Amino acid sequence: MNILVTGGAGFIGSHVARHLTKHYPDYNVTVMDKMDYCADMRNLEDVLPLRNFNFVKGDITNIDFVNHVVKTNSIKFIMHFAAQTHVDNSFGNSFSFTHNNIYGTHVLLESARINGIRRFIHVSTDEVYGETPSGREDAFTEESLLKPTNPYSATKAAAEMLVTAYAQSYNLPVVITRGNNVYGPGQYPEKVIPLFITRAIGGERLPVHGKGDSLRSYIYIDDVVEAFDIILHMGKTGEIYNIGTRKEHSVLDIARKICDYFGMPIESSVEFVEDRPFNDRRYFIEDGKLKDLGWAPRVELDEGMDRTIRWFK
């Protein structure tokens, strides 16, 4: 396999790229990343010397550059992780999300069509479903209606529409994934878990949106890497796979766990800040389709948090 991993110097992409490079020495892995603020070459330092790994710096919105990389590296599989992902930022600079997440995906799809890609894995998010009503016990499935509520999730939903359109119009072999919140070593400290950890290490207060009652499901990075390995090798073309867990925790629960770990009194260690213009209270997704392929999250939150805190310390 000659595989292109976009956004491969970022958090999830780098873990997947390292896994594929090390575990499949007969595969050739090319990472493309424009090295935005949340990318870091240190995420790739252990695979840079390996013969089956290649890094190219560049922007997925540049069609000539993307075609050059795909052709010169004989790419046949694309795993598309590159995206603007921080919801808070999308409320203030939404045009960059449209440009990167929608137009960038369109460029990759066109390059995939021209160059005869055998599998295009588009990495989306559980946020495209919108908010799960409080108390609802049936989870969103891959067939549920998409109702994104913020600029970030709207651009990811729009990108999905392009992916499915290319599958219909050009028979492009695509797979879409929609995942819960991912956390673990190496994550840029803008997402809630690494943000809270780094602030706790620095003796700072933990900023909690609103009342901190929004519910999220968290999956450790190693479990997510395993999911993408299975989807790459066993996923069915044309399918959508939720990568999730039904174990939910409020943001305040996460703050409490981190305060407990560091021996900090939560009453004086949490700072309640202004909420987002709109903050989905809950994302509850069904992961049965991926479990049918043999996947299940194995790292419990407490264990994953311990590993993550030790890495940041």
Protein backbone atom coordinates (compact mmCIF):
# COMPACT_ATOMS: atom_id res chain seq x y z
CA MET A 1 0.00 0.00 0.00
CA ASN A 2 1.12 3.53 -0.81
CA ILE A 3 -0.83 5.67 1.65
CA LEU A 4 -1.21 9.44 1.93
CA VAL A 5 -2.10 10.74 5.39
CA THR A 6 -3.21 14.37 5.29
CA GLY A 7 -2.76 16.38 8.46
CA GLY A 8 -0.29 13.72 9.55
CA ALA A 9 1.75 16.01 11.79
CA GLY A 10 -1.31 16.73 13.91
CA PHE A 11 -2.58 14.72 16.83
CA ILE A 12 -4.67 11.86 15.43
CA GLY A 13 -3.04 11.81 12.00
CA SER A 14 0.47 11.47 13.42
CA HIS A 15 -0.52 8.56 15.66
CA VAL A 16 -2.11 6.77 12.71
CA ALA A 17 0.86 7.51 10.41
CA ARG A 18 3.37 6.24 12.98
CA HIS A 19 1.32 3.10 13.57
CA LEU A 20 1.08 2.25 9.87
CA THR A 21 4.76 2.97 9.26
CA LYS A 22 5.96 0.78 12.12
CA HIS A 23 3.46 -2.07 11.96
CA TYR A 24 3.43 -2.46 8.18
CA PRO A 25 7.02 -2.10 6.93
CA ASP A 26 5.93 -3.07 3.41
CA TYR A 27 3.59 -0.06 3.26
CA ASN A 28 4.86 3.32 2.09
CA VAL A 29 3.39 6.13 4.19
CA THR A 30 3.48 9.74 3.00
CA VAL A 31 2.39 12.50 5.37
CA MET A 32 1.24 15.85 3.98
CA ASP A 33 0.83 18.74 6.39
CA LYS A 34 1.00 22.51 6.01
CA MET A 35 2.29 22.76 9.62
CA ASP A 36 -0.41 24.97 11.08
CA TYR A 37 -0.28 25.98 14.75
CA CYS A 38 -1.43 22.59 16.06
CA ALA A 39 1.02 20.49 14.00
CA ASP A 40 4.42 19.49 15.35
CA MET A 41 7.25 17.59 13.68
CA ARG A 42 8.11 16.08 17.04
CA ASN A 43 4.96 13.99 16.58
CA LEU A 44 6.80 12.20 13.76
CA GLU A 45 10.43 12.18 14.90
CA ASP A 46 10.57 8.43 15.54
CA VAL A 47 9.48 7.53 11.98
CA LEU A 48 11.29 10.23 10.00
CA PRO A 49 14.42 8.03 9.53
CA LEU A 50 12.45 4.98 8.36
CA ARG A 51 12.72 4.01 4.69
CA ASN A 52 8.96 3.55 4.25
CA PHE A 53 8.05 7.02 5.57
CA ASN A 54 8.01 10.30 3.70
CA PHE A 55 7.01 13.80 4.84
CA VAL A 56 6.01 16.65 2.54
CA LYS A 57 5.08 20.12 3.71
CA GLY A 58 2.19 21.59 1.80
CA ASP A 59 -1.42 22.70 1.70
CA ILE A 60 -4.30 20.42 0.67
CA THR A 61 -6.02 23.40 -0.99
CA ASN A 62 -3.29 23.56 -3.67
CA ILE A 63 -4.46 21.22 -6.45
CA ASP A 64 -1.17 21.25 -8.39
CA PHE A 65 0.81 20.40 -5.27
CA VAL A 66 -1.61 17.65 -4.20
CA ASN A 67 -1.54 16.06 -7.66
CA HIS A 68 2.25 16.19 -7.69
CA VAL A 69 2.48 14.42 -4.33
CA VAL A 70 -0.10 11.78 -5.27
CA LYS A 71 1.56 11.02 -8.62
CA THR A 72 5.20 11.04 -7.54
CA ASN A 73 4.48 8.79 -4.55
CA SER A 74 2.13 6.48 -6.51
CA ILE A 75 -0.54 7.02 -3.86
CA LYS A 76 -3.49 4.62 -3.97
CA PHE A 77 -4.97 5.14 -0.50
CA ILE A 78 -5.81 8.50 1.13
CA MET A 79 -6.62 8.95 4.82
CA HIS A 80 -7.88 12.51 5.12
CA PHE A 81 -7.35 13.89 8.64
CA ALA A 82 -6.38 17.47 7.74
CA ALA A 83 -8.91 20.02 9.00
CA GLN A 84 -9.54 23.05 11.11
CA THR A 85 -11.16 21.45 14.16
CA HIS A 86 -11.38 23.78 17.15
CA VAL A 87 -15.03 24.77 17.61
CA ASP A 88 -14.26 27.96 19.55
CA ASN A 89 -12.08 29.21 16.70
CA SER A 90 -14.82 28.53 14.17
CA PHE A 91 -17.07 31.13 15.78
CA GLY A 92 -14.45 33.83 15.22
CA ASN A 93 -12.84 32.85 11.91
CA SER A 94 -15.35 30.69 10.08
CA PHE A 95 -14.10 31.47 6.56
CA SER A 96 -10.85 29.58 7.19
CA PHE A 97 -12.90 26.55 8.20
CA THR A 98 -14.86 26.74 4.95
CA HIS A 99 -11.65 27.08 2.92
CA ASN A 100 -9.74 24.27 4.61
CA ASN A 101 -12.47 21.79 5.46
CA ILE A 102 -14.66 22.08 2.36
CA TYR A 103 -12.43 23.35 -0.43
CA GLY A 104 -9.46 21.31 0.79
CA THR A 105 -11.56 18.15 0.78
CA HIS A 106 -12.81 18.98 -2.72
CA VAL A 107 -9.23 19.30 -3.97
CA LEU A 108 -8.32 15.91 -2.50
CA LEU A 109 -11.41 14.27 -3.98
CA GLU A 110 -10.62 15.63 -7.44
CA SER A 111 -7.04 14.42 -7.17
CA ALA A 112 -8.32 11.03 -6.01
CA ARG A 113 -10.64 10.85 -9.03
CA ILE A 114 -7.92 11.81 -11.50
CA ASN A 115 -5.33 9.43 -10.07
CA GLY A 116 -7.46 6.33 -9.54
CA ILE A 117 -7.37 6.15 -5.76
CA ARG A 118 -8.50 2.74 -4.44
CA ARG A 119 -9.80 3.98 -1.09
CA PHE A 120 -10.51 7.48 0.24
CA ILE A 121 -11.11 7.55 4.01
CA HIS A 122 -12.70 10.83 5.05
CA VAL A 123 -12.36 11.61 8.75
CA SER A 124 -15.40 13.49 10.03
CA THR A 125 -16.87 14.09 13.49
CA ASP A 126 -19.83 13.18 15.69
CA GLU A 127 -20.70 16.88 15.72
CA VAL A 128 -22.29 16.65 12.28
CA TYR A 129 -25.32 14.99 13.93
CA GLY A 130 -25.94 18.02 16.10
CA GLU A 131 -27.12 17.88 19.66
CA THR A 132 -28.55 14.66 21.12
CA PRO A 133 -31.64 15.52 23.17
CA SER A 134 -31.21 15.15 26.92
CA GLY A 135 -32.57 11.85 28.18
CA ARG A 136 -32.64 10.27 24.74
CA GLU A 137 -31.56 6.63 25.08
CA ASP A 138 -31.32 5.70 21.40
CA ALA A 139 -28.06 6.91 19.92
CA PHE A 140 -27.47 8.53 16.55
CA THR A 141 -26.66 5.92 13.91
CA GLU A 142 -24.75 6.37 10.68
CA GLU A 143 -28.10 6.85 8.92
CA SER A 144 -29.29 9.67 11.21
CA LEU A 145 -30.05 13.10 9.79
CA LEU A 146 -27.15 15.57 9.90
CA LYS A 147 -28.02 18.75 11.83
CA PRO A 148 -24.75 20.61 12.56
CA THR A 149 -25.07 23.59 14.88
CA ASN A 150 -21.75 25.46 14.66
CA PRO A 151 -19.51 26.64 11.80
CA TYR A 152 -16.96 23.86 12.36
CA SER A 153 -19.45 21.00 12.25
CA ALA A 154 -21.29 22.62 9.33
CA THR A 155 -18.10 22.61 7.24
CA LYS A 156 -17.45 18.97 8.15
CA ALA A 157 -21.00 18.03 7.13
CA ALA A 158 -20.60 19.94 3.87
CA ALA A 159 -17.33 18.13 3.18
CA GLU A 160 -19.15 14.83 3.72
CA MET A 161 -21.68 15.82 1.08
CA LEU A 162 -18.86 16.30 -1.41
CA VAL A 163 -17.42 12.90 -0.49
CA THR A 164 -20.72 11.11 -1.01
CA ALA A 165 -21.32 13.05 -4.25
CA TYR A 166 -17.99 11.86 -5.66
CA ALA A 167 -18.88 8.32 -4.66
CA GLN A 168 -22.17 8.58 -6.56
CA SER A 169 -20.99 10.57 -9.57
CA TYR A 170 -17.56 9.04 -10.14
CA ASN A 171 -17.76 5.73 -8.25
CA LEU A 172 -14.94 6.92 -6.02
CA PRO A 173 -14.34 4.25 -3.35
CA VAL A 174 -14.94 6.23 -0.16
CA VAL A 175 -15.39 5.48 3.53
CA ILE A 176 -16.51 8.08 6.08
CA THR A 177 -15.79 8.01 9.81
CA ARG A 178 -17.49 10.05 12.54
CA GLY A 179 -15.77 10.01 15.89
CA ASN A 180 -16.26 11.02 19.51
CA ASN A 181 -13.73 13.21 21.31
CA VAL A 182 -10.21 11.78 21.13
CA TYR A 183 -7.53 12.45 23.76
CA GLY A 184 -4.04 11.28 24.63
CA PRO A 185 -0.31 12.10 24.52
CA GLY A 186 0.72 14.69 21.97
CA GLN A 187 -2.61 16.48 21.69
CA TYR A 188 -2.38 20.23 21.20
CA PRO A 189 -3.63 21.88 24.43
CA GLU A 190 -6.69 23.63 23.04
CA LYS A 191 -9.09 20.69 23.52
CA VAL A 192 -10.53 20.25 26.99
CA ILE A 193 -8.45 17.39 28.43
CA PRO A 194 -4.96 18.62 27.45
CA LEU A 195 -6.00 22.20 28.24
CA PHE A 196 -7.05 21.25 31.75
CA ILE A 197 -3.94 19.12 32.28
CA THR A 198 -1.47 21.79 31.18
CA ARG A 199 -3.19 24.45 33.25
CA ALA A 200 -3.20 22.18 36.29
CA ILE A 201 0.52 21.51 35.83
CA GLY A 202 1.07 25.27 35.74
CA GLY A 203 -1.05 25.83 38.85
CA GLU A 204 -3.70 27.73 36.88
CA ARG A 205 -7.47 27.53 37.15
CA LEU A 206 -9.40 25.32 34.75
CA PRO A 207 -11.81 27.26 32.46
CA VAL A 208 -15.20 25.54 32.22
CA HIS A 209 -17.81 26.73 29.71
CA GLY A 210 -21.15 27.70 31.24
CA LYS A 211 -22.11 25.31 34.04
CA GLY A 212 -19.88 22.50 32.76
CA ASP A 213 -22.85 20.20 32.25
CA SER A 214 -22.24 19.41 28.57
CA LEU A 215 -21.80 15.66 28.10
CA ARG A 216 -19.06 14.18 25.94
CA SER A 217 -17.71 10.71 25.21
CA TYR A 218 -13.93 10.37 25.21
CA ILE A 219 -11.83 7.76 23.41
CA TYR A 220 -8.12 7.20 24.04
CA ILE A 221 -5.88 7.67 21.00
CA ASP A 222 -4.62 4.06 20.91
CA ASP A 223 -8.19 2.80 20.53
CA VAL A 224 -8.82 5.28 17.72
CA VAL A 225 -5.66 4.20 15.90
CA GLU A 226 -6.87 0.60 16.07
CA ALA A 227 -10.23 1.69 14.66
CA PHE A 228 -8.58 3.32 11.65
CA ASP A 229 -6.39 0.27 11.08
CA ILE A 230 -9.52 -1.90 10.95
CA ILE A 231 -11.38 0.55 8.71
CA LEU A 232 -8.44 0.78 6.29
CA HIS A 233 -8.17 -2.99 5.94
CA MET A 234 -11.70 -4.26 6.61
CA GLY A 235 -14.07 -1.33 6.15
CA LYS A 236 -16.63 -1.67 3.40
CA THR A 237 -16.50 0.81 0.55
CA GLY A 238 -19.38 3.27 0.67
CA GLU A 239 -19.99 2.80 4.39
CA ILE A 240 -19.96 5.28 7.26
CA TYR A 241 -18.52 4.17 10.61
CA ASN A 242 -19.08 5.85 13.96
CA ILE A 243 -16.04 5.59 16.24
CA GLY A 244 -17.58 6.01 19.65
CA THR A 245 -18.41 4.91 23.14
CA ARG A 246 -21.62 5.20 25.12
CA LYS A 247 -19.77 6.21 28.28
CA GLU A 248 -20.52 9.89 28.84
CA HIS A 249 -18.86 12.44 31.14
CA SER A 250 -19.64 16.09 31.75
CA VAL A 251 -16.93 18.70 31.30
CA LEU A 252 -17.15 19.34 35.04
CA ASP A 253 -16.54 15.62 35.64
CA ILE A 254 -13.32 15.88 33.63
CA ALA A 255 -12.25 18.93 35.61
CA ARG A 256 -12.97 17.08 38.85
CA LYS A 257 -10.88 14.06 37.79
CA ILE A 258 -7.92 16.27 36.95
CA CYS A 259 -8.25 18.25 40.17
CA ASP A 260 -8.33 14.99 42.13
CA TYR A 261 -5.21 13.75 40.33
CA PHE A 262 -3.26 16.89 41.20
CA GLY A 263 -4.72 17.23 44.69
CA MET A 264 -6.39 20.53 43.83
CA PRO A 265 -9.65 21.62 45.51
CA ILE A 266 -12.19 21.88 42.72
CA GLU A 267 -14.06 24.77 44.36
CA SER A 268 -11.09 27.12 43.96
CA SER A 269 -9.50 25.46 40.92
CA VAL A 270 -12.33 25.81 38.40
CA GLU A 271 -13.23 29.07 36.68
CA PHE A 272 -16.65 29.15 35.02
CA VAL A 273 -16.36 31.19 31.82
CA GLU A 274 -18.83 32.45 29.25
CA ASP A 275 -20.32 29.65 27.19
CA ARG A 276 -20.05 29.36 23.42
CA PRO A 277 -22.70 31.17 21.32
CA PHE A 278 -24.24 27.72 21.04
CA ASN A 279 -22.87 24.68 22.81
CA ASP A 280 -24.24 21.24 22.00
CA ARG A 281 -25.02 19.61 25.32
CA ARG A 282 -24.55 16.04 24.21
CA TYR A 283 -23.33 13.76 21.42
CA PHE A 284 -24.54 10.17 21.75
CA ILE A 285 -23.66 7.86 18.86
CA GLU A 286 -24.09 4.19 18.02
CA ASP A 287 -20.88 2.26 17.27
CA GLY A 288 -22.31 -1.18 16.51
CA LYS A 289 -21.28 -1.20 12.86
CA LEU A 290 -17.60 -0.83 13.74
CA LYS A 291 -17.90 -3.34 16.58
CA ASP A 292 -19.15 -5.84 14.01
CA LEU A 293 -15.68 -5.60 12.46
CA GLY A 294 -14.12 -6.57 15.79
CA TRP A 295 -13.36 -3.16 17.28
CA ALA A 296 -14.14 -1.92 20.77
CA PRO A 297 -12.50 0.75 22.96
CA ARG A 298 -10.25 -0.95 25.51
CA VAL A 299 -8.65 1.90 27.47
CA GLU A 300 -10.89 3.17 30.28
CA LEU A 301 -10.98 6.92 30.91
CA ASP A 302 -9.07 6.80 34.21
CA GLU A 303 -6.25 4.77 32.67
CA GLY A 304 -6.10 6.96 29.58
CA MET A 305 -6.10 10.12 31.67
CA ASP A 306 -3.25 8.75 33.78
CA ARG A 307 -1.17 7.99 30.67
CA THR A 308 -1.95 11.41 29.21
CA ILE A 309 -1.12 13.33 32.38
CA ARG A 310 2.17 11.47 32.78
CA TRP A 311 3.12 12.37 29.21
CA PHE A 312 2.33 16.06 29.68
CA LYS A 313 4.17 16.17 33.00
